[in-house]
Amino acid sequence: MAKPIVVTDENFRERVLQSPKPILVDFWAEWCRPCRMLAPVIDSLAADYDGQVGFAKVNVDENQELAMRYRVQGIPTLVLLFGGKEIGRFVGYMSREQLARKLEAALPVVA
């Protein structure tokens, strides 16, 4: 079963920007309750979209450079990237169904 990868300021380029498939990056923090509530949603979608979409997690407290580069102003913030470009952004907690709909709407950009 696919799980989100943990990325940092140091490995973000290699693990996310150079990925041949779209990657949904979850900017989160340990102290953020909505982030913790979203974690099982992300895990479930990572399994469902295995092979189509990659999932990554960035702890904003430990990787402030990335949070600033992607203008993360509130968490959780989910940024969908493909070919190094942002193709979607979702802020706040969402149910599995809500996030799946938003992800499906953004994915045709990749095709």
C-alpha atoms as a PDB file:
ATOM      1  CA  MET A   1       0.000   0.000   0.000  1.00  0.00           C
ATOM      2  CA  ALA A   2       1.364   3.401  -0.998  1.00  0.00           C
ATOM      3  CA  LYS A   3       2.069   5.906   1.746  1.00  0.00           C
ATOM      4  CA  PRO A   4       3.009   9.577   1.548  1.00  0.00           C
ATOM      5  CA  ILE A   5       6.741  10.232   1.519  1.00  0.00           C
ATOM      6  CA  VAL A   6       8.324  12.675   3.950  1.00  0.00           C
ATOM      7  CA  VAL A   7      10.198  15.437   2.148  1.00  0.00           C
ATOM      8  CA  THR A   8      12.471  18.204   3.404  1.00  0.00           C
ATOM      9  CA  ASP A   9      14.097  21.388   2.162  1.00  0.00           C
ATOM     10  CA  GLU A  10      17.059  19.202   1.153  1.00  0.00           C
ATOM     11  CA  ASN A  11      15.308  16.489  -0.891  1.00  0.00           C
ATOM     12  CA  PHE A  12      12.229  18.324  -2.213  1.00  0.00           C
ATOM     13  CA  ARG A  13      13.670  18.942  -5.683  1.00  0.00           C
ATOM     14  CA  GLU A  14      14.635  15.305  -6.203  1.00  0.00           C
ATOM     15  CA  ARG A  15      11.566  13.697  -4.609  1.00  0.00           C
ATOM     16  CA  VAL A  16       8.845  16.121  -5.775  1.00  0.00           C
ATOM     17  CA  LEU A  17       9.884  18.525  -8.523  1.00  0.00           C
ATOM     18  CA  GLN A  18      11.610  15.846 -10.613  1.00  0.00           C
ATOM     19  CA  SER A  19       8.799  13.315 -10.241  1.00  0.00           C
ATOM     20  CA  PRO A  20       7.351  12.000 -13.525  1.00  0.00           C
ATOM     21  CA  LYS A  21       3.855  12.045 -12.002  1.00  0.00           C
ATOM     22  CA  PRO A  22       1.826  14.686 -10.158  1.00  0.00           C
ATOM     23  CA  ILE A  23       2.565  14.994  -6.442  1.00  0.00           C
ATOM     24  CA  LEU A  24       0.147  16.276  -3.800  1.00  0.00           C
ATOM     25  CA  VAL A  25       2.239  17.945  -1.091  1.00  0.00           C
ATOM     26  CA  ASP A  26       0.687  18.201   2.372  1.00  0.00           C
ATOM     27  CA  PHE A  27       2.150  21.130   4.342  1.00  0.00           C
ATOM     28  CA  TRP A  28       1.397  20.356   7.982  1.00  0.00           C
ATOM     29  CA  ALA A  29       2.600  20.674  11.589  1.00  0.00           C
ATOM     30  CA  GLU A  30       2.466  18.341  14.570  1.00  0.00           C
ATOM     31  CA  TRP A  31       0.549  20.859  16.713  1.00  0.00           C
ATOM     32  CA  CYS A  32      -2.139  21.421  14.035  1.00  0.00           C
ATOM     33  CA  ARG A  33      -5.294  19.463  14.878  1.00  0.00           C
ATOM     34  CA  PRO A  34      -6.881  19.779  11.385  1.00  0.00           C
ATOM     35  CA  CYS A  35      -3.572  18.511   9.945  1.00  0.00           C
ATOM     36  CA  ARG A  36      -3.721  15.436  12.163  1.00  0.00           C
ATOM     37  CA  MET A  37      -7.360  14.886  11.164  1.00  0.00           C
ATOM     38  CA  LEU A  38      -6.388  15.113   7.482  1.00  0.00           C
ATOM     39  CA  ALA A  39      -3.544  12.566   7.769  1.00  0.00           C
ATOM     40  CA  PRO A  40      -5.751   9.432   7.432  1.00  0.00           C
ATOM     41  CA  VAL A  41      -7.551  11.043   4.471  1.00  0.00           C
ATOM     42  CA  ILE A  42      -4.196  11.581   2.745  1.00  0.00           C
ATOM     43  CA  ASP A  43      -3.108   8.010   3.566  1.00  0.00           C
ATOM     44  CA  SER A  44      -6.325   6.605   2.093  1.00  0.00           C
ATOM     45  CA  LEU A  45      -6.053   8.644  -1.107  1.00  0.00           C
ATOM     46  CA  ALA A  46      -2.379   7.696  -1.470  1.00  0.00           C
ATOM     47  CA  ALA A  47      -3.472   4.053  -1.609  1.00  0.00           C
ATOM     48  CA  ASP A  48      -6.304   4.781  -4.066  1.00  0.00           C
ATOM     49  CA  TYR A  49      -4.149   6.838  -6.433  1.00  0.00           C
ATOM     50  CA  ASP A  50      -1.058   4.610  -6.207  1.00  0.00           C
ATOM     51  CA  GLY A  51       0.791   4.833  -9.520  1.00  0.00           C
ATOM     52  CA  GLN A  52      -1.162   7.889 -10.716  1.00  0.00           C
ATOM     53  CA  VAL A  53      -0.385  10.526  -8.095  1.00  0.00           C
ATOM     54  CA  GLY A  54       2.369  10.693  -5.504  1.00  0.00           C
ATOM     55  CA  PHE A  55       1.768  12.069  -2.024  1.00  0.00           C
ATOM     56  CA  ALA A  56       4.311  13.903   0.113  1.00  0.00           C
ATOM     57  CA  LYS A  57       4.330  15.516   3.548  1.00  0.00           C
ATOM     58  CA  VAL A  58       6.290  18.613   4.558  1.00  0.00           C
ATOM     59  CA  ASN A  59       6.494  19.570   8.229  1.00  0.00           C
ATOM     60  CA  VAL A  60       6.393  23.386   8.083  1.00  0.00           C
ATOM     61  CA  ASP A  61       8.109  23.788  11.457  1.00  0.00           C
ATOM     62  CA  GLU A  62      11.117  21.797  10.243  1.00  0.00           C
ATOM     63  CA  ASN A  63      11.109  23.055   6.629  1.00  0.00           C
ATOM     64  CA  GLN A  64      10.317  26.754   6.755  1.00  0.00           C
ATOM     65  CA  GLU A  65      12.102  27.494   3.480  1.00  0.00           C
ATOM     66  CA  LEU A  66       9.638  25.315   1.560  1.00  0.00           C
ATOM     67  CA  ALA A  67       6.671  26.782   3.412  1.00  0.00           C
ATOM     68  CA  MET A  68       7.810  30.287   2.436  1.00  0.00           C
ATOM     69  CA  ARG A  69       8.593  29.320  -1.169  1.00  0.00           C
ATOM     70  CA  TYR A  70       5.071  27.932  -1.609  1.00  0.00           C
ATOM     71  CA  ARG A  71       3.489  30.819   0.309  1.00  0.00           C
ATOM     72  CA  VAL A  72       1.875  28.608   2.909  1.00  0.00           C
ATOM     73  CA  GLN A  73      -0.119  30.970   5.108  1.00  0.00           C
ATOM     74  CA  GLY A  74      -2.355  28.480   6.885  1.00  0.00           C
ATOM     75  CA  ILE A  75      -2.222  24.759   7.460  1.00  0.00           C
ATOM     76  CA  PRO A  76      -3.075  22.258   6.333  1.00  0.00           C
ATOM     77  CA  THR A  77      -2.236  23.455   2.826  1.00  0.00           C
ATOM     78  CA  LEU A  78      -2.160  20.931  -0.004  1.00  0.00           C
ATOM     79  CA  VAL A  79      -0.292  21.882  -3.173  1.00  0.00           C
ATOM     80  CA  LEU A  80      -0.604  19.720  -6.292  1.00  0.00           C
ATOM     81  CA  LEU A  81       2.554  19.928  -8.402  1.00  0.00           C
ATOM     82  CA  PHE A  82       3.368  18.487 -11.811  1.00  0.00           C
ATOM     83  CA  GLY A  83       6.532  19.143 -13.777  1.00  0.00           C
ATOM     84  CA  GLY A  84       7.602  21.638 -11.119  1.00  0.00           C
ATOM     85  CA  LYS A  85       4.458  23.747 -11.600  1.00  0.00           C
ATOM     86  CA  GLU A  86       1.554  24.239  -9.229  1.00  0.00           C
ATOM     87  CA  ILE A  87      -1.658  22.903 -10.778  1.00  0.00           C
ATOM     88  CA  GLY A  88      -3.850  22.972  -7.677  1.00  0.00           C
ATOM     89  CA  ARG A  89      -4.013  24.292  -4.118  1.00  0.00           C
ATOM     90  CA  PHE A  90      -6.393  23.351  -1.333  1.00  0.00           C
ATOM     91  CA  VAL A  91      -6.390  24.881   2.155  1.00  0.00           C
ATOM     92  CA  GLY A  92      -7.961  23.518   5.311  1.00  0.00           C
ATOM     93  CA  TYR A  93      -9.409  20.212   6.389  1.00  0.00           C
ATOM     94  CA  MET A  94     -11.511  18.334   3.840  1.00  0.00           C
ATOM     95  CA  SER A  95     -13.302  15.030   3.946  1.00  0.00           C
ATOM     96  CA  ARG A  96     -11.997  12.208   1.804  1.00  0.00           C
ATOM     97  CA  GLU A  97     -14.808  12.756  -0.705  1.00  0.00           C
ATOM     98  CA  GLN A  98     -14.217  16.520  -0.929  1.00  0.00           C
ATOM     99  CA  LEU A  99     -10.489  16.116  -1.472  1.00  0.00           C
ATOM    100  CA  ALA A 100     -10.975  13.312  -4.021  1.00  0.00           C
ATOM    101  CA  ARG A 101     -13.340  15.570  -6.032  1.00  0.00           C
ATOM    102  CA  LYS A 102     -10.866  18.461  -5.974  1.00  0.00           C
ATOM    103  CA  LEU A 103      -8.017  16.160  -6.961  1.00  0.00           C
ATOM    104  CA  GLU A 104     -10.022  14.683  -9.854  1.00  0.00           C
ATOM    105  CA  ALA A 105     -10.910  18.193 -11.063  1.00  0.00           C
ATOM    106  CA  ALA A 106      -7.244  19.228 -11.074  1.00  0.00           C
ATOM    107  CA  LEU A 107      -5.841  16.083 -12.706  1.00  0.00           C
ATOM    108  CA  PRO A 108      -7.091  16.724 -16.283  1.00  0.00           C
ATOM    109  CA  VAL A 109      -4.444  19.467 -16.425  1.00  0.00           C
ATOM    110  CA  VAL A 110      -1.872  16.647 -16.434  1.00  0.00           C
ATOM    111  CA  ALA A 111      -3.421  14.618 -19.277  1.00  0.00           C
END
